[in-house]
PDB file of N, CA and C in Angstrom:
ATOM      1  N   UNK A   1      69.986 111.065 102.572  1.00  0.00           N
ATOM      2  CA  UNK A   1      70.387 109.686 102.421  1.00  0.00           C
ATOM      3  C   UNK A   1      71.902 109.639 102.195  1.00  0.00           C
ATOM      4  N   UNK A   2      72.556 108.748 102.895  1.00  0.00           N
ATOM      5  CA  UNK A   2      73.994 108.579 102.739  1.00  0.00           C
ATOM      6  C   UNK A   2      74.279 107.151 102.280  1.00  0.00           C
ATOM      7  N   UNK A   3      74.967 107.043 101.160  1.00  0.00           N
ATOM      8  CA  UNK A   3      75.306 105.730 100.622  1.00  0.00           C
ATOM      9  C   UNK A   3      76.650 105.279 101.161  1.00  0.00           C
ATOM     10  N   UNK A   4      76.749 104.006 101.431  1.00  0.00           N
ATOM     11  CA  UNK A   4      78.000 103.438 101.924  1.00  0.00           C
ATOM     12  C   UNK A   4      78.746 102.797 100.759  1.00  0.00           C
ATOM     13  N   UNK A   5      79.377 103.658  99.955  1.00  0.00           N
ATOM     14  CA  UNK A   5      80.159 103.161  98.833  1.00  0.00           C
ATOM     15  C   UNK A   5      81.595 103.641  98.997  1.00  0.00           C
ATOM     16  N   UNK A   6      82.525 102.858  98.468  1.00  0.00           N
ATOM     17  CA  UNK A   6      83.948 103.188  98.613  1.00  0.00           C
ATOM     18  C   UNK A   6      84.679 102.864  97.325  1.00  0.00           C
ATOM     19  N   UNK A   7      85.781 103.553  97.134  1.00  0.00           N
ATOM     20  CA  UNK A   7      86.678 103.239  96.031  1.00  0.00           C
ATOM     21  C   UNK A   7      87.574 102.095  96.515  1.00  0.00           C
ATOM     22  N   UNK A   8      87.453 100.950  95.879  1.00  0.00           N
ATOM     23  CA  UNK A   8      88.178  99.765  96.324  1.00  0.00           C
ATOM     24  C   UNK A   8      89.689  99.951  96.214  1.00  0.00           C
ATOM     25  N   UNK A   9      90.143 100.718  95.226  1.00  0.00           N
ATOM     26  CA  UNK A   9      91.577 100.996  95.122  1.00  0.00           C
ATOM     27  C   UNK A   9      92.067 101.774  96.343  1.00  0.00           C
ATOM     28  N   UNK A  10      91.250 102.668  96.841  1.00  0.00           N
ATOM     29  CA  UNK A  10      91.625 103.424  98.040  1.00  0.00           C
ATOM     30  C   UNK A  10      91.763 102.495  99.240  1.00  0.00           C
ATOM     31  N   UNK A  11      90.832 101.585  99.382  1.00  0.00           N
ATOM     32  CA  UNK A  11      90.874 100.618 100.481  1.00  0.00           C
ATOM     33  C   UNK A  11      92.139  99.769 100.382  1.00  0.00           C
ATOM     34  N   UNK A  12      92.420  99.270  99.188  1.00  0.00           N
ATOM     35  CA  UNK A  12      93.599  98.421  98.997  1.00  0.00           C
ATOM     36  C   UNK A  12      94.891  99.204  99.216  1.00  0.00           C
ATOM     37  N   UNK A  13      94.928 100.455  98.762  1.00  0.00           N
ATOM     38  CA  UNK A  13      96.117 101.279  98.971  1.00  0.00           C
ATOM     39  C   UNK A  13      96.383 101.464 100.458  1.00  0.00           C
ATOM     40  N   UNK A  14      95.357 101.764 101.228  1.00  0.00           N
ATOM     41  CA  UNK A  14      95.540 101.958 102.662  1.00  0.00           C
ATOM     42  C   UNK A  14      95.986 100.659 103.333  1.00  0.00           C
ATOM     43  N   UNK A  15      95.492  99.521 102.862  1.00  0.00           N
ATOM     44  CA  UNK A  15      95.946  98.228 103.390  1.00  0.00           C
ATOM     45  C   UNK A  15      97.435  98.029 103.112  1.00  0.00           C
ATOM     46  N   UNK A  16      97.866  98.360 101.908  1.00  0.00           N
ATOM     47  CA  UNK A  16      99.277  98.209 101.538  1.00  0.00           C
ATOM     48  C   UNK A  16     100.148  99.134 102.374  1.00  0.00           C
ATOM     49  N   UNK A  17      99.738 100.382 102.527  1.00  0.00           N
ATOM     50  CA  UNK A  17     100.511 101.330 103.339  1.00  0.00           C
ATOM     51  C   UNK A  17     100.609 100.851 104.782  1.00  0.00           C
ATOM     52  N   UNK A  18      99.534 100.269 105.279  1.00  0.00           N
ATOM     53  CA  UNK A  18      99.531  99.736 106.640  1.00  0.00           C
ATOM     54  C   UNK A  18     100.443  98.514 106.749  1.00  0.00           C
ATOM     55  N   UNK A  19     100.345  97.602 105.779  1.00  0.00           N
ATOM     56  CA  UNK A  19     101.184  96.398 105.781  1.00  0.00           C
ATOM     57  C   UNK A  19     102.669  96.750 105.774  1.00  0.00           C
ATOM     58  N   UNK A  20     103.024  97.809 105.056  1.00  0.00           N
ATOM     59  CA  UNK A  20     104.423  98.221 104.958  1.00  0.00           C
ATOM     60  C   UNK A  20     104.867  99.071 106.146  1.00  0.00           C
ATOM     61  N   UNK A  21     103.941  99.367 107.052  1.00  0.00           N
ATOM     62  CA  UNK A  21     104.275 100.154 108.233  1.00  0.00           C
ATOM     63  C   UNK A  21     104.411 101.640 107.969  1.00  0.00           C
ATOM     64  N   UNK A  22     104.036 102.079 106.780  1.00  0.00           N
ATOM     65  CA  UNK A  22     104.203 103.483 106.421  1.00  0.00           C
ATOM     66  C   UNK A  22     103.241 104.406 107.161  1.00  0.00           C
ATOM     67  N   UNK A  23     102.082 103.896 107.535  1.00  0.00           N
ATOM     68  CA  UNK A  23     101.112 104.739 108.243  1.00  0.00           C
ATOM     69  C   UNK A  23     101.644 105.188 109.595  1.00  0.00           C
ATOM     70  N   UNK A  24     102.495 104.371 110.194  1.00  0.00           N
ATOM     71  CA  UNK A  24     103.069 104.708 111.495  1.00  0.00           C
ATOM     72  C   UNK A  24     104.374 105.488 111.369  1.00  0.00           C
ATOM     73  N   UNK A  25     105.066 105.330 110.243  1.00  0.00           N
ATOM     74  CA  UNK A  25     106.397 105.914 110.079  1.00  0.00           C
ATOM     75  C   UNK A  25     106.395 107.313 109.482  1.00  0.00           C
ATOM     76  N   UNK A  26     105.459 107.595 108.604  1.00  0.00           N
ATOM     77  CA  UNK A  26     105.491 108.839 107.844  1.00  0.00           C
ATOM     78  C   UNK A  26     104.487 109.854 108.379  1.00  0.00           C
ATOM     79  N   UNK A  27     104.768 111.152 108.192  1.00  0.00           N
ATOM     80  CA  UNK A  27     103.827 112.193 108.632  1.00  0.00           C
ATOM     81  C   UNK A  27     102.485 112.071 107.902  1.00  0.00           C
ATOM     82  N   UNK A  28     101.432 112.432 108.586  1.00  0.00           N
ATOM     83  CA  UNK A  28     100.080 112.304 108.042  1.00  0.00           C
ATOM     84  C   UNK A  28      99.909 113.097 106.744  1.00  0.00           C
ATOM     85  N   UNK A  29     100.461 114.305 106.679  1.00  0.00           N
ATOM     86  CA  UNK A  29     100.343 115.113 105.464  1.00  0.00           C
ATOM     87  C   UNK A  29     101.024 114.434 104.277  1.00  0.00           C
ATOM     88  N   UNK A  30     102.176 113.824 104.531  1.00  0.00           N
ATOM     89  CA  UNK A  30     102.879 113.122 103.454  1.00  0.00           C
ATOM     90  C   UNK A  30     102.067 111.915 102.989  1.00  0.00           C
ATOM     91  N   UNK A  31     101.489 111.176 103.925  1.00  0.00           N
ATOM     92  CA  UNK A  31     100.650 110.020 103.579  1.00  0.00           C
ATOM     93  C   UNK A  31      99.473 110.477 102.722  1.00  0.00           C
ATOM     94  N   UNK A  32      98.854 111.591 103.100  1.00  0.00           N
ATOM     95  CA  UNK A  32      97.718 112.106 102.332  1.00  0.00           C
ATOM     96  C   UNK A  32      98.148 112.466 100.914  1.00  0.00           C
ATOM     97  N   UNK A  33      99.289 113.150 100.786  1.00  0.00           N
ATOM     98  CA  UNK A  33      99.796 113.501  99.455  1.00  0.00           C
ATOM     99  C   UNK A  33     100.128 112.249  98.655  1.00  0.00           C
ATOM    100  N   UNK A  34     100.785 111.299  99.294  1.00  0.00           N
ATOM    101  CA  UNK A  34     101.156 110.050  98.637  1.00  0.00           C
ATOM    102  C   UNK A  34      99.910 109.305  98.154  1.00  0.00           C
ATOM    103  N   UNK A  35      98.894 109.246  98.988  1.00  0.00           N
ATOM    104  CA  UNK A  35      97.653 108.560  98.623  1.00  0.00           C
ATOM    105  C   UNK A  35      96.971 109.259  97.447  1.00  0.00           C
ATOM    106  N   UNK A  36      96.893 110.580  97.495  1.00  0.00           N
ATOM    107  CA  UNK A  36      96.235 111.323  96.413  1.00  0.00           C
ATOM    108  C   UNK A  36      96.960 111.147  95.086  1.00  0.00           C
ATOM    109  N   UNK A  37      98.278 111.304  95.099  1.00  0.00           N
ATOM    110  CA  UNK A  37      99.053 111.173  93.863  1.00  0.00           C
ATOM    111  C   UNK A  37      98.937 109.746  93.322  1.00  0.00           C
ATOM    112  N   UNK A  38      98.969 108.772  94.203  1.00  0.00           N
ATOM    113  CA  UNK A  38      98.856 107.371  93.784  1.00  0.00           C
ATOM    114  C   UNK A  38      97.477 107.082  93.210  1.00  0.00           C
ATOM    115  N   UNK A  39      96.433 107.476  93.923  1.00  0.00           N
ATOM    116  CA  UNK A  39      95.070 107.179  93.477  1.00  0.00           C
ATOM    117  C   UNK A  39      94.718 107.886  92.173  1.00  0.00           C
ATOM    118  N   UNK A  40      95.307 109.043  91.926  1.00  0.00           N
ATOM    119  CA  UNK A  40      95.038 109.754  90.675  1.00  0.00           C
ATOM    120  C   UNK A  40      95.604 109.028  89.458  1.00  0.00           C
ATOM    121  N   UNK A  41      96.479 108.069  89.666  1.00  0.00           N
ATOM    122  CA  UNK A  41      97.039 107.272  88.568  1.00  0.00           C
ATOM    123  C   UNK A  41      96.230 106.003  88.304  1.00  0.00           C
ATOM    124  N   UNK A  42      95.305 105.692  89.181  1.00  0.00           N
ATOM    125  CA  UNK A  42      94.581 104.424  89.122  1.00  0.00           C
ATOM    126  C   UNK A  42      93.138 104.627  88.682  1.00  0.00           C
ATOM    127  N   UNK A  43      92.540 103.592  88.099  1.00  0.00           N
ATOM    128  CA  UNK A  43      91.114 103.691  87.781  1.00  0.00           C
ATOM    129  C   UNK A  43      90.296 103.688  89.072  1.00  0.00           C
ATOM    130  N   UNK A  44      89.063 104.071  88.948  1.00  0.00           N
ATOM    131  CA  UNK A  44      88.167 104.068  90.106  1.00  0.00           C
ATOM    132  C   UNK A  44      87.323 102.800  90.038  1.00  0.00           C
ATOM    133  N   UNK A  45      87.182 102.149  91.186  1.00  0.00           N
ATOM    134  CA  UNK A  45      86.337 100.953  91.259  1.00  0.00           C
ATOM    135  C   UNK A  45      85.525 101.042  92.543  1.00  0.00           C
ATOM    136  N   UNK A  46      84.288 101.460  92.386  1.00  0.00           N
ATOM    137  CA  UNK A  46      83.432 101.629  93.551  1.00  0.00           C
ATOM    138  C   UNK A  46      82.793 100.304  93.951  1.00  0.00           C
ATOM    139  N   UNK A  47      82.710 100.104  95.253  1.00  0.00           N
ATOM    140  CA  UNK A  47      82.058  98.915  95.799  1.00  0.00           C
ATOM    141  C   UNK A  47      81.088  99.346  96.889  1.00  0.00           C
ATOM    142  N   UNK A  48      80.095  98.523  97.094  1.00  0.00           N
ATOM    143  CA  UNK A  48      79.113  98.811  98.130  1.00  0.00           C
ATOM    144  C   UNK A  48      79.506  98.147  99.441  1.00  0.00           C
ATOM    145  N   UNK A  49      79.756  96.869  99.405  1.00  0.00           N
ATOM    146  CA  UNK A  49      80.141  96.132 100.609  1.00  0.00           C
ATOM    147  C   UNK A  49      81.500  95.481 100.382  1.00  0.00           C
ATOM    148  N   UNK A  50      82.467  95.820 101.209  1.00  0.00           N
ATOM    149  CA  UNK A  50      83.798  95.239 101.062  1.00  0.00           C
ATOM    150  C   UNK A  50      83.788  93.732 101.261  1.00  0.00           C
ATOM    151  N   UNK A  51      82.958  93.258 102.156  1.00  0.00           N
ATOM    152  CA  UNK A  51      82.893  91.821 102.428  1.00  0.00           C
ATOM    153  C   UNK A  51      82.507  91.068 101.163  1.00  0.00           C
ATOM    154  N   UNK A  52      81.527  91.582 100.430  1.00  0.00           N
ATOM    155  CA  UNK A  52      81.119  90.944  99.177  1.00  0.00           C
ATOM    156  C   UNK A  52      82.251  90.963  98.163  1.00  0.00           C
ATOM    157  N   UNK A  53      82.979  92.052  98.129  1.00  0.00           N
ATOM    158  CA  UNK A  53      84.084  92.181  97.181  1.00  0.00           C
ATOM    159  C   UNK A  53      85.149  91.141  97.464  1.00  0.00           C
ATOM    160  N   UNK A  54      85.506  90.978  98.731  1.00  0.00           N
ATOM    161  CA  UNK A  54      86.515  89.981  99.089  1.00  0.00           C
ATOM    162  C   UNK A  54      86.045  88.570  98.730  1.00  0.00           C
ATOM    163  N   UNK A  55      84.756  88.315  98.903  1.00  0.00           N
ATOM    164  CA  UNK A  55      84.223  86.978  98.670  1.00  0.00           C
ATOM    165  C   UNK A  55      84.144  86.642  97.181  1.00  0.00           C
ATOM    166  N   UNK A  56      83.658  87.584  96.375  1.00  0.00           N
ATOM    167  CA  UNK A  56      83.399  87.306  94.967  1.00  0.00           C
ATOM    168  C   UNK A  56      84.572  87.618  94.042  1.00  0.00           C
ATOM    169  N   UNK A  57      85.563  88.284  94.536  1.00  0.00           N
ATOM    170  CA  UNK A  57      86.656  88.725  93.686  1.00  0.00           C
ATOM    171  C   UNK A  57      87.589  87.572  93.319  1.00  0.00           C
ATOM    172  N   UNK A  58      87.978  87.540  92.077  1.00  0.00           N
ATOM    173  CA  UNK A  58      88.949  86.573  91.588  1.00  0.00           C
ATOM    174  C   UNK A  58      90.326  86.928  92.156  1.00  0.00           C
ATOM    175  N   UNK A  59      91.067  85.931  92.625  1.00  0.00           N
ATOM    176  CA  UNK A  59      92.376  86.184  93.229  1.00  0.00           C
ATOM    177  C   UNK A  59      93.363  86.794  92.237  1.00  0.00           C
ATOM    178  N   UNK A  60      93.284  86.388  90.979  1.00  0.00           N
ATOM    179  CA  UNK A  60      94.157  86.984  89.958  1.00  0.00           C
ATOM    180  C   UNK A  60      93.843  88.458  89.767  1.00  0.00           C
ATOM    181  N   UNK A  61      92.561  88.781  89.775  1.00  0.00           N
ATOM    182  CA  UNK A  61      92.149  90.179  89.631  1.00  0.00           C
ATOM    183  C   UNK A  61      92.650  91.010  90.811  1.00  0.00           C
ATOM    184  N   UNK A  62      92.532  90.470  92.000  1.00  0.00           N
ATOM    185  CA  UNK A  62      93.010  91.183  93.181  1.00  0.00           C
ATOM    186  C   UNK A  62      94.527  91.388  93.108  1.00  0.00           C
ATOM    187  N   UNK A  63      95.268  90.382  92.675  1.00  0.00           N
ATOM    188  CA  UNK A  63      96.719  90.515  92.552  1.00  0.00           C
ATOM    189  C   UNK A  63      97.084  91.538  91.484  1.00  0.00           C
ATOM    190  N   UNK A  64      96.345  91.548  90.380  1.00  0.00           N
ATOM    191  CA  UNK A  64      96.582  92.550  89.340  1.00  0.00           C
ATOM    192  C   UNK A  64      96.353  93.961  89.874  1.00  0.00           C
ATOM    193  N   UNK A  65      95.312  94.128  90.662  1.00  0.00           N
ATOM    194  CA  UNK A  65      95.029  95.438  91.248  1.00  0.00           C
ATOM    195  C   UNK A  65      96.148  95.843  92.208  1.00  0.00           C
ATOM    196  N   UNK A  66      96.614  94.912  93.018  1.00  0.00           N
ATOM    197  CA  UNK A  66      97.719  95.207  93.941  1.00  0.00           C
ATOM    198  C   UNK A  66      98.979  95.598  93.165  1.00  0.00           C
ATOM    199  N   UNK A  67      99.243  94.905  92.068  1.00  0.00           N
ATOM    200  CA  UNK A  67     100.402  95.244  91.237  1.00  0.00           C
ATOM    201  C   UNK A  67     100.273  96.653  90.665  1.00  0.00           C
ATOM    202  N   UNK A  68      99.069  97.002  90.213  1.00  0.00           N
ATOM    203  CA  UNK A  68      98.826  98.359  89.713  1.00  0.00           C
ATOM    204  C   UNK A  68      99.099  99.395  90.803  1.00  0.00           C
ATOM    205  N   UNK A  69      98.664  99.077  92.012  1.00  0.00           N
ATOM    206  CA  UNK A  69      98.855 100.003  93.131  1.00  0.00           C
ATOM    207  C   UNK A  69     100.334 100.147  93.454  1.00  0.00           C
ATOM    208  N   UNK A  70     101.061  99.037  93.514  1.00  0.00           N
ATOM    209  CA  UNK A  70     102.500  99.104  93.802  1.00  0.00           C
ATOM    210  C   UNK A  70     103.238  99.933  92.750  1.00  0.00           C
ATOM    211  N   UNK A  71     102.873  99.749  91.487  1.00  0.00           N
ATOM    212  CA  UNK A  71     103.509 100.510  90.410  1.00  0.00           C
ATOM    213  C   UNK A  71     103.209 102.007  90.556  1.00  0.00           C
ATOM    214  N   UNK A  72     101.953 102.340  90.804  1.00  0.00           N
ATOM    215  CA  UNK A  72     101.574 103.744  90.984  1.00  0.00           C
ATOM    216  C   UNK A  72     102.227 104.325  92.235  1.00  0.00           C
ATOM    217  N   UNK A  73     102.351 103.519  93.265  1.00  0.00           N
ATOM    218  CA  UNK A  73     102.963 103.961  94.519  1.00  0.00           C
ATOM    219  C   UNK A  73     104.436 104.299  94.310  1.00  0.00           C
ATOM    220  N   UNK A  74     105.140 103.482  93.554  1.00  0.00           N
ATOM    221  CA  UNK A  74     106.551 103.759  93.256  1.00  0.00           C
ATOM    222  C   UNK A  74     106.703 105.072  92.502  1.00  0.00           C
ATOM    223  N   UNK A  75     105.857 105.284  91.492  1.00  0.00           N
ATOM    224  CA  UNK A  75     105.899 106.534  90.730  1.00  0.00           C
ATOM    225  C   UNK A  75     105.591 107.725  91.632  1.00  0.00           C
ATOM    226  N   UNK A  76     104.641 107.551  92.530  1.00  0.00           N
ATOM    227  CA  UNK A  76     104.251 108.634  93.436  1.00  0.00           C
ATOM    228  C   UNK A  76     105.373 108.976  94.402  1.00  0.00           C
ATOM    229  N   UNK A  77     106.032 107.961  94.928  1.00  0.00           N
ATOM    230  CA  UNK A  77     107.165 108.200  95.829  1.00  0.00           C
ATOM    231  C   UNK A  77     108.265 108.980  95.113  1.00  0.00           C
ATOM    232  N   UNK A  78     108.575 108.584  93.888  1.00  0.00           N
ATOM    233  CA  UNK A  78     109.606 109.277  93.113  1.00  0.00           C
ATOM    234  C   UNK A  78     109.185 110.717  92.829  1.00  0.00           C
ATOM    235  N   UNK A  79     107.929 110.912  92.478  1.00  0.00           N
ATOM    236  CA  UNK A  79     107.423 112.254  92.197  1.00  0.00           C
ATOM    237  C   UNK A  79     107.516 113.142  93.433  1.00  0.00           C
ATOM    238  N   UNK A  80     107.040 112.642  94.564  1.00  0.00           N
ATOM    239  CA  UNK A  80     107.067 113.440  95.793  1.00  0.00           C
ATOM    240  C   UNK A  80     108.498 113.702  96.246  1.00  0.00           C
ATOM    241  N   UNK A  81     109.372 112.733  96.079  1.00  0.00           N
ATOM    242  CA  UNK A  81     110.772 112.925  96.449  1.00  0.00           C
ATOM    243  C   UNK A  81     111.393 114.035  95.606  1.00  0.00           C
ATOM    244  N   UNK A  82     111.114 114.026  94.306  1.00  0.00           N
ATOM    245  CA  UNK A  82     111.669 115.064  93.430  1.00  0.00           C
ATOM    246  C   UNK A  82     111.111 116.435  93.790  1.00  0.00           C
ATOM    247  N   UNK A  83     109.843 116.491  94.175  1.00  0.00           N
ATOM    248  CA  UNK A  83     109.234 117.769  94.578  1.00  0.00           C
ATOM    249  C   UNK A  83     109.844 118.270  95.881  1.00  0.00           C
ATOM    250  N   UNK A  84     110.083 117.356  96.813  1.00  0.00           N
ATOM    251  CA  UNK A  84     110.695 117.750  98.087  1.00  0.00           C
ATOM    252  C   UNK A  84     112.119 118.245  97.874  1.00  0.00           C
ATOM    253  N   UNK A  85     112.855 117.575  96.995  1.00  0.00           N
ATOM    254  CA  UNK A  85     114.227 117.997  96.715  1.00  0.00           C
ATOM    255  C   UNK A  85     114.236 119.357  96.024  1.00  0.00           C
ATOM    256  N   UNK A  86     113.299 119.565  95.121  1.00  0.00           N
ATOM    257  CA  UNK A  86     113.197 120.832  94.407  1.00  0.00           C
ATOM    258  C   UNK A  86     112.875 121.961  95.383  1.00  0.00           C
ATOM    259  N   UNK A  87     111.964 121.708  96.318  1.00  0.00           N
ATOM    260  CA  UNK A  87     111.586 122.703  97.319  1.00  0.00           C
ATOM    261  C   UNK A  87     112.762 123.014  98.230  1.00  0.00           C
ATOM    262  N   UNK A  88     113.534 122.005  98.595  1.00  0.00           N
ATOM    263  CA  UNK A  88     114.685 122.197  99.481  1.00  0.00           C
ATOM    264  C   UNK A  88     115.768 123.038  98.813  1.00  0.00           C
ATOM    265  N   UNK A  89     115.874 122.939  97.491  1.00  0.00           N
ATOM    266  CA  UNK A  89     116.881 123.696  96.759  1.00  0.00           C
ATOM    267  C   UNK A  89     116.525 125.173  96.644  1.00  0.00           C
ATOM    268  N   UNK A  90     115.254 125.488  96.734  1.00  0.00           N
ATOM    269  CA  UNK A  90     114.801 126.881  96.555  1.00  0.00           C
ATOM    270  C   UNK A  90     115.039 127.727  97.758  1.00  0.00           C
TER     271      UNK A  90
END
C-alpha cells in the first residue's frame, strides 16, 4: 500500500523556488542542497490532498508559513554560500 501524503512545507518551498525562477537558473544539485537545508529548519506538516489544504487553509496561516520559508531560505542561502567560499579557499 502506498499513501499519497506530502510535507506541505516542501510543496510550498518548491512553489517559491519556481516563482523566483531559481529552478531554471541554478544547478539541480544546488537546488537539492538548498531545499534540504531549508526544510531541516522548518516544522513538518503532512497533508493528504493538496486541494483540500488550499481550500480549507486560512490565508493568514498560509502567509505565515510562506514567511517562515523565506526566512529559512535566506539562512540556507547564506549557509551554502559560506560553505562554497570555504571550499574554494581550500
